[in-house]
Amino acid sequence: MIIARKKPVEEIITEIDPYDRILILGCNECVTVCEAGGKKEVEILASALTLHYQARGKAKTFGKATLERQCDREYLEEIRGRIHNYDAVLSLACGVGVQFAAETYTATPLLPGVDTVCLGANEERGLWTERCQACGSCVLARTGGICPVSRCAKRVMNGPCGGSANGKCELGPDTDCAWQLIIDRLKALGRLEDYEQVAPIKDWSTDRAGGPRTITREDIQL
């Protein structure tokens, strides 16, 4: 899922300060799971901002709404009848949702309330770790289900770089060497011979470096 974290409230206050009527817009998908931008966070942020401005004698109106998804026009339409009541929208969705909402409502300023960080896994409550960089050309079948693109700091594709020690990356003791994990996994699977195979040159044209990507599925298009 997409992992995001709340922006510092001071940064949010700077963003919304020019506006008097702000709609705080949450999303029920990934940002709800990582507790950055769901219905609960909308309520908490609205209360905090209301108290902040009341303490300074400033009158601001905060509306609240949470959509099923902000990356889907079907759900964004749910606020069409009320968005004209606000000077700006503070979106707690990921960067995809903020942009899609901005494209849908071009006359209303869309402000981000969270920072989008990565595609990650939910290790435990309050702990999320990166697992995928959406490179567009998955190599997990060859690497025992462990991704050298997202989990190796240097994106090395044919074994450890030589900077790791005791199974840890040279970045620090809290970071596992991705290739040590891959070797251990292949050994556990009885496929260590796969490690001896030189990987073909990776096609990075499918990665973000190739520019914005579009996926078309004609078989499901209406």
Foldseek 3Di string as FASTA:
>chain_A
DWDWAFDPVVVVCVVCVVWAEEEEEFEQPDCVVLVQGAQVNQVVSQVVVVVVQVVVVHHHHYHYYYWPHLLDVVRLVVCVVPPVVTQAYEYRHEPNSQVSNCVVPVNHHYHYRIYTDEDWDPPDRPDTDHQDQQLQDDDCVLQLNGQLCTQAPVSDDQADPPQDDPQAHVVDPVGGHSRVVSCVNCVVVVNNVSSVDDDDDDDSCSGCVVPDDDDDDPVPDD
